[in-house]
C-alpha cells in the first residue's frame, strides 16, 4: 500500500503569520455589538466622523456619468491626479516633484505595502520607532524584512532620538519608517528633530519611508515638517506616503499615493499593475477635487479635533493611575495605564493593557485599542475623531470603572 503524501498546510506560512489589523478588529467588534443593540462607544478606528466635503462628492457624482471613468486607466493613476498631487506637494510641503514621481494607490495602506515590497529584500532590517501603527511591522514582514523596534515611552513624549536609532543600526539596516504626526501617539517631531534624523539617515545611506497622512492635523505650537524639505539631499532615498483619507474625511474612498525617486515609482507601478490595476476612477476624480481645492473644510475639522483633544486629555489625566501626554497632532491620545494594571476592578485584576481593554469593553461597553497592537503593553489608544457627546460619555464610563480599582 502506498503511503499518503505529507499533508501540506492549507494556508501559506507567509500569510498565516500575519496578525489581523488590531484597530479594524476592535472597530468591527464595537460595530457588531452596536448592531446587536448594545450602547457601545468605539474609540478604535482612526476615522473622522465628518462627511466628505460636498464639492468632493459632487465631483464624484459628475464623474460617474463620464464613460472614460468606466474603463481601465494607467496603473500609476490618472495623469490629472498625479499632476495635482505634485502641485499639492509643492503647496503644502514646499518642494518640487514631477508627476512621474507619483503613484496613486488604493488608500494609504496600499502605499505602505508597496513601499516595503519595492525596497526591502529578505534579511533587510527596517527601523520602526515604537509605538507604531499596527500595519507597519506586518508589511515589513510580508516583504521579507525584519522590523527592529526602537521604543520611546511617555517620558520621551513618544519621540525617538538619533542616539536610539544609531544604537539599533546594523549593517543590515535598509530603511527607517518615520511617521510625524504619529499614529498611534499623536506625537509630532520638531523641525530640529526631523532634520537631525534625516541627516543621520543620509549619513548612513538609510532609506526613509515617511508617512505624512496626518500632515494637516497639528495643534498648539507644533508644525508639520516634511523630512525632504528639512534635508533636501534625502530626495533620492526617500519614499513619501500620503492620501486623502484623514485630511478630507475620505477613508472609504480609498485613494492614497507614494512619492519617490523615478526608479522606485516605476518598480512599484509594475507591482501595482499586477496587484490591483488602477484605483477606481470615480474615487480618483473625487481626489482631484480634494487636493486642488482649498483647505477650509480641513480647518473646520481640525478645530473640532482640537476641542476634543483638550477634553479627552483633561478627562483621562484626572483618572488615578493614568498618565496622558498631550498629543500635538493626528487625532489620537495614547495614555499610559501602567498605574492601573495589577489593581482589582470588579473582581478582575488586569495585568496587561489587552486585559484592561477587554475589561473596559465588557463592563462599560467602550472599545479602545490596547498598546500590544502598537508595541509594548501598558498603554491604550483612543481616537478622538468621534462626536463630542460620545467622547465625553465614553471617557466618563472608563473613569467611573477605573475609579473602582483598588
Protein backbone atom coordinates (compact mmCIF):
# COMPACT_ATOMS: atom_id res chain seq x y z
CA UNK A 1 0.00 0.00 0.00
CA UNK A 2 1.39 3.41 -0.94
CA UNK A 3 1.85 5.96 1.82
CA UNK A 4 -0.25 9.09 1.89
CA UNK A 5 1.68 12.15 0.72
CA UNK A 6 2.62 14.55 3.51
CA UNK A 7 -0.25 16.93 4.16
CA UNK A 8 0.75 20.47 3.30
CA UNK A 9 -0.64 23.34 5.34
CA UNK A 10 -3.76 24.89 3.83
CA UNK A 11 -2.59 28.47 4.40
CA UNK A 12 0.85 29.67 3.36
CA UNK A 13 3.28 30.41 6.18
CA UNK A 14 3.73 33.94 4.88
CA UNK A 15 0.04 34.82 5.08
CA UNK A 16 -0.73 32.60 8.06
CA UNK A 17 1.75 34.51 10.18
CA UNK A 18 0.10 37.91 9.65
CA UNK A 19 -1.81 39.31 12.61
CA UNK A 20 -5.24 40.78 11.92
CA UNK A 21 -5.35 44.59 11.98
CA UNK A 22 -5.99 45.23 15.67
CA UNK A 23 -7.60 48.61 15.09
CA UNK A 24 -10.03 47.27 12.48
CA UNK A 25 -10.76 44.24 14.70
CA UNK A 26 -11.70 46.46 17.65
CA UNK A 27 -13.81 48.67 15.37
CA UNK A 28 -15.60 45.63 13.89
CA UNK A 29 -16.34 44.22 17.36
CA UNK A 30 -17.71 47.58 18.52
CA UNK A 31 -19.92 47.90 15.42
CA UNK A 32 -21.20 44.33 15.83
CA UNK A 33 -22.16 44.94 19.46
CA UNK A 34 -23.81 48.22 18.49
CA UNK A 35 -25.79 46.46 15.76
CA UNK A 36 -26.95 43.97 18.38
CA UNK A 37 -28.45 46.85 20.33
CA UNK A 38 -25.65 47.37 22.87
CA UNK A 39 -24.78 51.02 23.67
CA UNK A 40 -21.14 50.62 22.67
CA UNK A 41 -18.93 53.66 22.11
CA UNK A 42 -15.96 52.95 19.85
CA UNK A 43 -12.62 54.75 20.16
CA UNK A 44 -10.97 52.18 17.89
CA UNK A 45 -10.78 53.31 14.28
CA UNK A 46 -8.92 56.40 13.10
CA UNK A 47 -11.88 57.63 11.11
CA UNK A 48 -13.20 61.21 11.10
CA UNK A 49 -16.90 61.40 11.96
CA UNK A 50 -17.44 64.15 9.37
CA UNK A 51 -18.93 63.56 5.92
CA UNK A 52 -16.67 64.05 2.91
CA UNK A 53 -16.90 67.72 1.79
CA UNK A 54 -19.81 68.42 -0.62
CA UNK A 55 -17.65 69.64 -3.50
CA UNK A 56 -15.65 66.39 -3.43
CA UNK A 57 -18.83 64.30 -3.52
CA UNK A 58 -20.20 66.46 -6.37
CA UNK A 59 -17.06 65.79 -8.41
CA UNK A 60 -17.55 62.05 -7.93
CA UNK A 61 -21.23 62.20 -8.89
CA UNK A 62 -20.35 64.05 -12.10
CA UNK A 63 -17.57 61.56 -12.85
CA UNK A 64 -19.98 58.62 -12.69
CA UNK A 65 -21.66 59.60 -15.97
CA UNK A 66 -18.41 60.02 -17.94
CA UNK A 67 -17.78 56.78 -19.89
CA UNK A 68 -13.98 57.17 -19.71
CA UNK A 69 -14.28 56.60 -15.94
CA UNK A 70 -15.92 53.23 -16.57
CA UNK A 71 -12.71 51.87 -18.12
CA UNK A 72 -9.19 50.93 -17.11
CA UNK A 73 -6.78 53.85 -16.87
CA UNK A 74 -2.99 53.86 -16.32
CA UNK A 75 -1.86 51.75 -13.37
CA UNK A 76 0.06 54.70 -11.89
CA UNK A 77 -3.08 56.82 -11.74
CA UNK A 78 -4.91 59.45 -13.77
CA UNK A 79 -2.37 61.93 -15.17
CA UNK A 80 -4.50 64.79 -13.81
CA UNK A 81 -4.35 63.38 -10.29
CA UNK A 82 -0.61 62.69 -10.43
CA UNK A 83 -0.13 66.33 -11.51
CA UNK A 84 -2.48 67.53 -8.76
CA UNK A 85 -0.54 65.59 -6.12
CA UNK A 86 2.73 67.05 -7.42
CA UNK A 87 1.21 70.56 -7.22
CA UNK A 88 -0.19 69.89 -3.75
CA UNK A 89 3.25 68.69 -2.58
CA UNK A 90 4.77 71.99 -3.72
CA UNK A 91 1.98 73.92 -1.98
CA UNK A 92 1.91 72.02 1.34
CA UNK A 93 5.43 70.59 1.66
CA UNK A 94 7.46 73.23 -0.13
CA UNK A 95 9.47 71.16 -2.58
CA UNK A 96 9.09 70.12 -6.19
CA UNK A 97 8.32 66.65 -7.54
CA UNK A 98 7.47 65.58 -11.08
CA UNK A 99 4.15 63.79 -11.80
CA UNK A 100 6.27 60.78 -12.88
CA UNK A 101 7.41 60.51 -9.25
CA UNK A 102 3.82 59.95 -8.05
CA UNK A 103 1.97 56.62 -7.89
CA UNK A 104 -1.74 56.67 -6.97
CA UNK A 105 -2.68 53.74 -4.70
CA UNK A 106 -5.80 52.16 -3.23
CA UNK A 107 -5.57 54.08 0.03
CA UNK A 108 -2.50 54.92 2.07
CA UNK A 109 -2.31 51.32 3.27
CA UNK A 110 -1.52 50.03 -0.22
CA UNK A 111 1.20 52.67 -0.49
CA UNK A 112 2.70 51.33 2.77
CA UNK A 113 2.68 47.76 1.48
CA UNK A 114 4.14 48.67 -1.91
CA UNK A 115 6.88 50.84 -0.43
CA UNK A 116 8.24 47.99 1.68
CA UNK A 117 7.70 45.42 -1.08
CA UNK A 118 9.65 47.60 -3.51
CA UNK A 119 12.59 48.45 -1.24
CA UNK A 120 13.07 45.54 1.16
CA UNK A 121 14.79 42.20 0.49
CA UNK A 122 14.76 39.15 2.78
CA UNK A 123 17.21 39.77 5.60
CA UNK A 124 16.96 43.57 5.42
CA UNK A 125 16.16 45.34 8.67
CA UNK A 126 13.76 48.27 8.95
CA UNK A 127 13.99 50.57 11.98
CA UNK A 128 10.50 51.03 13.38
CA UNK A 129 10.01 53.70 16.05
CA UNK A 130 7.51 52.38 18.60
CA UNK A 131 4.68 52.81 19.43
CA UNK A 132 3.95 52.23 15.73
CA UNK A 133 0.86 51.87 13.57
CA UNK A 134 -0.21 48.23 13.61
CA UNK A 135 0.19 47.69 9.83
CA UNK A 136 3.87 48.67 9.54
CA UNK A 137 5.50 45.54 11.03
CA UNK A 138 3.20 43.22 9.08
CA UNK A 139 4.01 44.98 5.78
CA UNK A 140 7.74 44.79 6.57
CA UNK A 141 7.50 41.05 7.29
CA UNK A 142 5.45 40.44 4.14
CA UNK A 143 8.36 41.93 2.18
CA UNK A 144 10.74 39.50 3.89
CA UNK A 145 12.23 42.21 6.10
CA UNK A 146 12.77 42.29 9.84
CA UNK A 147 11.16 45.11 11.84
CA UNK A 148 13.54 46.44 14.52
CA UNK A 149 11.56 48.27 17.18
CA UNK A 150 13.02 51.43 18.71
CA UNK A 151 10.82 52.33 21.68
CA UNK A 152 10.15 55.77 23.15
CA UNK A 153 7.73 55.90 26.07
CA UNK A 154 5.52 58.59 27.56
CA UNK A 155 8.54 60.04 29.41
CA UNK A 156 10.07 60.93 25.99
CA UNK A 157 6.79 62.17 24.56
CA UNK A 158 6.91 59.07 22.33
CA UNK A 159 9.71 60.63 20.24
CA UNK A 160 12.79 58.51 19.45
CA UNK A 161 16.23 60.09 19.39
CA UNK A 162 19.07 59.83 16.89
CA UNK A 163 21.11 58.07 19.60
CA UNK A 164 18.42 55.38 19.91
CA UNK A 165 18.29 54.91 16.15
CA UNK A 166 22.08 54.70 15.94
CA UNK A 167 22.13 52.06 18.70
CA UNK A 168 19.68 49.95 16.67
CA UNK A 169 21.50 50.35 13.33
CA UNK A 170 23.39 47.37 11.89
CA UNK A 171 24.96 46.61 8.51
CA UNK A 172 21.59 45.04 7.58
CA UNK A 173 19.61 48.26 8.18
CA UNK A 174 17.94 49.21 4.87
CA UNK A 175 15.28 51.72 5.88
CA UNK A 176 13.70 53.81 8.62
CA UNK A 177 9.95 54.25 8.97
CA UNK A 178 9.21 57.84 10.02
CA UNK A 179 5.68 58.95 10.97
CA UNK A 180 5.04 62.51 12.14
CA UNK A 181 2.37 63.45 13.17
CA UNK A 182 2.19 59.94 14.61
CA UNK A 183 -0.40 57.26 14.64
CA UNK A 184 -0.89 55.92 17.37
CA UNK A 185 0.51 58.55 19.75
CA UNK A 186 -0.23 61.93 18.16
CA UNK A 187 3.41 62.91 18.75
CA UNK A 188 4.97 65.45 16.36
CA UNK A 189 8.72 65.76 15.79
CA UNK A 190 10.05 69.33 15.84
CA UNK A 191 11.77 70.74 12.74
CA UNK A 192 15.13 70.31 14.53
CA UNK A 193 14.44 66.67 15.48
CA UNK A 194 13.21 65.89 11.96
CA UNK A 195 16.30 67.39 10.39
CA UNK A 196 18.63 65.56 12.79
CA UNK A 197 17.01 62.21 11.98
CA UNK A 198 17.10 62.99 8.25
CA UNK A 199 20.81 63.91 8.36
CA UNK A 200 21.57 60.72 10.30
CA UNK A 201 19.74 58.60 7.67
CA UNK A 202 21.55 60.41 4.85
CA UNK A 203 24.95 59.94 6.51
CA UNK A 204 24.45 56.18 6.83
CA UNK A 205 22.78 55.56 3.46
CA UNK A 206 19.49 54.51 5.05
CA UNK A 207 16.24 54.87 3.10
CA UNK A 208 13.45 56.87 4.75
CA UNK A 209 9.83 55.82 4.31
CA UNK A 210 7.87 58.77 5.68
CA UNK A 211 4.14 58.56 6.36
CA UNK A 212 2.69 62.06 6.13
CA UNK A 213 -1.02 61.29 6.10
CA UNK A 214 -1.69 63.46 9.18
CA UNK A 215 0.22 66.48 7.81
CA UNK A 216 -2.67 68.93 8.23
CA UNK A 217 -3.63 67.86 11.74
CA UNK A 218 -1.26 69.68 14.10
CA UNK A 219 -2.13 71.71 17.20
CA UNK A 220 -0.71 74.26 19.64
CA UNK A 221 2.84 75.21 18.66
CA UNK A 222 3.51 72.06 16.63
CA UNK A 223 4.35 72.29 12.94
CA UNK A 224 4.44 69.58 10.32
CA UNK A 225 7.96 69.23 8.90
CA UNK A 226 8.35 67.22 5.68
CA UNK A 227 11.65 65.37 6.07
CA UNK A 228 12.60 66.01 2.42
CA UNK A 229 12.17 69.75 2.93
CA UNK A 230 14.27 69.57 6.12
CA UNK A 231 17.00 67.58 4.31
CA UNK A 232 16.63 68.11 0.52
CA UNK A 233 19.53 65.72 -0.21
CA UNK A 234 17.30 62.87 1.02
CA UNK A 235 15.04 63.14 -2.03
CA UNK A 236 16.82 60.29 -3.83
CA UNK A 237 16.43 57.86 -0.90
CA UNK A 238 13.02 58.80 0.49
CA UNK A 239 9.53 57.47 -0.22
CA UNK A 240 6.65 59.66 0.93
CA UNK A 241 3.30 58.02 1.79
CA UNK A 242 0.11 60.06 1.93
CA UNK A 243 -3.54 60.13 0.94
CA UNK A 244 -6.89 61.90 1.22
CA UNK A 245 -8.41 59.73 3.96
CA UNK A 246 -7.68 61.70 7.12
CA UNK A 247 -7.38 65.24 5.77
CA UNK A 248 -10.65 65.24 3.82
CA UNK A 249 -12.68 62.62 5.76
CA UNK A 250 -12.39 60.22 2.81
CA UNK A 251 -11.44 56.92 4.50
CA UNK A 252 -13.88 54.90 2.39
CA UNK A 253 -12.88 56.36 -0.99
CA UNK A 254 -9.50 54.51 -0.92
CA UNK A 255 -7.10 56.96 -2.54
CA UNK A 256 -3.51 57.29 -1.39
CA UNK A 257 -0.16 57.85 -3.06
CA UNK A 258 3.56 57.24 -2.99
CA UNK A 259 6.10 59.87 -3.97
CA UNK A 260 9.68 58.83 -4.57
CA UNK A 261 12.64 58.56 -6.95
CA UNK A 262 11.57 57.69 -10.51
CA UNK A 263 13.11 54.18 -10.44
CA UNK A 264 11.28 53.25 -7.23
CA UNK A 265 7.95 54.60 -8.50
CA UNK A 266 8.38 52.73 -11.80
CA UNK A 267 9.06 49.47 -9.93
CA UNK A 268 6.12 49.99 -7.57
CA UNK A 269 3.89 50.77 -10.57
CA UNK A 270 4.92 47.45 -12.12
CA UNK A 271 3.86 45.72 -8.89
CA UNK A 272 0.54 47.58 -8.82
CA UNK A 273 -0.16 46.69 -12.47
CA UNK A 274 -0.34 43.05 -11.36
CA UNK A 275 -1.76 43.65 -7.90
CA UNK A 276 -4.78 45.88 -8.49
CA UNK A 277 -4.54 47.62 -11.89
CA UNK A 278 -5.72 51.17 -11.24
CA UNK A 279 -7.57 52.90 -8.42
CA UNK A 280 -11.32 53.37 -9.10
CA UNK A 281 -11.57 56.32 -11.46
CA UNK A 282 -14.55 57.92 -9.72
CA UNK A 283 -12.53 57.96 -6.49
CA UNK A 284 -9.58 59.46 -8.34
CA UNK A 285 -11.81 62.23 -9.74
CA UNK A 286 -13.04 62.94 -6.20
CA UNK A 287 -9.42 63.07 -5.01
CA UNK A 288 -8.56 65.63 -7.70
CA UNK A 289 -11.30 67.89 -6.32
CA UNK A 290 -9.97 67.36 -2.79
CA UNK A 291 -6.29 68.09 -3.37
CA UNK A 292 -6.87 71.01 -5.76
CA UNK A 293 -9.45 72.68 -3.50
CA UNK A 294 -8.66 74.98 -0.62
CA UNK A 295 -8.12 73.73 2.92
CA UNK A 296 -11.08 75.48 4.58
CA UNK A 297 -13.01 72.24 5.19
CA UNK A 298 -9.87 70.80 6.76
CA UNK A 299 -9.52 73.83 9.03
CA UNK A 300 -13.09 73.36 10.31
CA UNK A 301 -12.45 69.69 11.09
CA UNK A 302 -9.16 70.48 12.79
CA UNK A 303 -10.95 72.98 15.05
CA UNK A 304 -13.33 70.24 16.21
CA UNK A 305 -10.49 67.74 16.68
CA UNK A 306 -8.56 70.31 18.73
CA UNK A 307 -11.55 70.87 21.03
CA UNK A 308 -12.00 67.13 21.52
CA UNK A 309 -8.26 66.67 22.08
CA UNK A 310 -8.26 69.09 25.00
CA UNK A 311 -11.38 67.49 26.51
CA UNK A 312 -10.11 63.90 26.29
CA UNK A 313 -6.65 64.74 27.71
CA UNK A 314 -8.23 66.58 30.63
CA UNK A 315 -10.65 63.74 31.40
CA UNK A 316 -8.07 60.94 31.09
CA UNK A 317 -5.47 62.82 33.13
CA UNK A 318 -7.95 63.08 36.01
CA UNK A 319 -8.10 59.26 36.34
CA UNK A 320 -5.90 57.83 39.08
CA UNK A 321 -3.15 55.63 37.57
CA UNK A 322 -3.47 57.07 34.05
CA UNK A 323 -0.78 59.31 32.50
CA UNK A 324 -1.79 61.05 29.28
CA UNK A 325 0.78 63.12 27.37
CA UNK A 326 -0.86 65.88 25.34
CA UNK A 327 -0.72 64.90 21.64
CA UNK A 328 0.32 67.63 19.21
CA UNK A 329 -1.01 66.02 16.04
CA UNK A 330 -3.34 63.50 14.35
CA UNK A 331 -6.48 62.54 16.34
CA UNK A 332 -5.28 60.03 18.91
CA UNK A 333 -4.35 60.02 22.58
CA UNK A 334 -2.04 57.33 23.92
CA UNK A 335 -2.33 57.22 27.70
CA UNK A 336 -0.11 55.03 29.84
CA UNK A 337 -2.27 52.82 32.08
CA UNK A 338 0.60 51.11 33.88
CA UNK A 339 -0.62 52.68 37.14
CA UNK A 340 -3.93 50.82 36.79
CA UNK A 341 -2.52 47.36 35.94
CA UNK A 342 -2.24 44.92 38.81
CA UNK A 343 -5.14 46.53 40.66
CA UNK A 344 -8.50 44.81 41.07
CA UNK A 345 -11.57 46.13 39.27
CA UNK A 346 -14.92 44.36 39.82
CA UNK A 347 -13.21 41.17 40.87
CA UNK A 348 -10.77 41.11 37.95
CA UNK A 349 -7.06 42.06 38.13
CA UNK A 350 -5.80 43.00 34.66
CA UNK A 351 -2.01 42.72 34.28
CA UNK A 352 -1.76 43.79 30.62
CA UNK A 353 -3.35 46.59 28.60
CA UNK A 354 -5.02 43.93 26.42
CA UNK A 355 -6.76 42.51 29.51
CA UNK A 356 -7.72 46.01 30.64
CA UNK A 357 -9.17 46.88 27.19
CA UNK A 358 -11.20 43.64 27.31
CA UNK A 359 -12.49 44.54 30.77
CA UNK A 360 -13.48 48.06 29.67
CA UNK A 361 -15.43 46.68 26.71
CA UNK A 362 -17.14 44.00 28.80
CA UNK A 363 -18.05 46.11 31.84
CA UNK A 364 -18.84 49.56 30.42
CA UNK A 365 -19.19 48.88 26.68
CA UNK A 366 -16.39 51.16 25.48
CA UNK A 367 -13.99 49.94 22.77
CA UNK A 368 -10.34 51.04 22.96
CA UNK A 369 -7.22 49.54 21.35
CA UNK A 370 -4.59 48.08 23.71
CA UNK A 371 -0.91 49.01 23.46
CA UNK A 372 0.01 45.47 22.39
CA UNK A 373 -1.24 46.39 18.89
CA UNK A 374 1.40 49.12 18.64
CA UNK A 375 4.35 47.84 20.68
CA UNK A 376 4.77 47.20 24.40
CA UNK A 377 1.85 46.60 26.77
CA UNK A 378 0.83 49.25 29.27
CA UNK A 379 -0.96 51.74 27.01
CA UNK A 380 -4.31 52.36 25.33
CA UNK A 381 -5.03 54.19 22.07
CA UNK A 382 -8.20 56.22 21.83
CA UNK A 383 -9.19 58.05 18.66
CA UNK A 384 -10.97 61.33 19.34
CA UNK A 385 -12.32 61.51 15.77
CA UNK A 386 -15.82 60.78 17.06
CA UNK A 387 -18.63 63.09 18.16
CA UNK A 388 -18.20 65.31 21.24
CA UNK A 389 -21.09 63.74 23.17
CA UNK A 390 -19.91 60.17 22.57
CA UNK A 391 -16.39 61.17 23.58
CA UNK A 392 -17.48 62.61 26.94
CA UNK A 393 -19.85 59.72 27.62
CA UNK A 394 -17.25 57.09 26.68
CA UNK A 395 -14.36 58.50 28.69
CA UNK A 396 -16.78 59.13 31.56
CA UNK A 397 -17.66 55.41 31.61
CA UNK A 398 -13.96 54.48 31.64
CA UNK A 399 -13.31 56.93 34.50
CA UNK A 400 -16.19 55.51 36.56
CA UNK A 401 -14.90 51.96 36.05
CA UNK A 402 -11.26 52.70 36.81
CA UNK A 403 -12.23 54.68 39.92
CA UNK A 404 -13.16 51.29 41.42
CA UNK A 405 -9.56 49.99 41.09
CA UNK A 406 -8.00 49.00 44.41
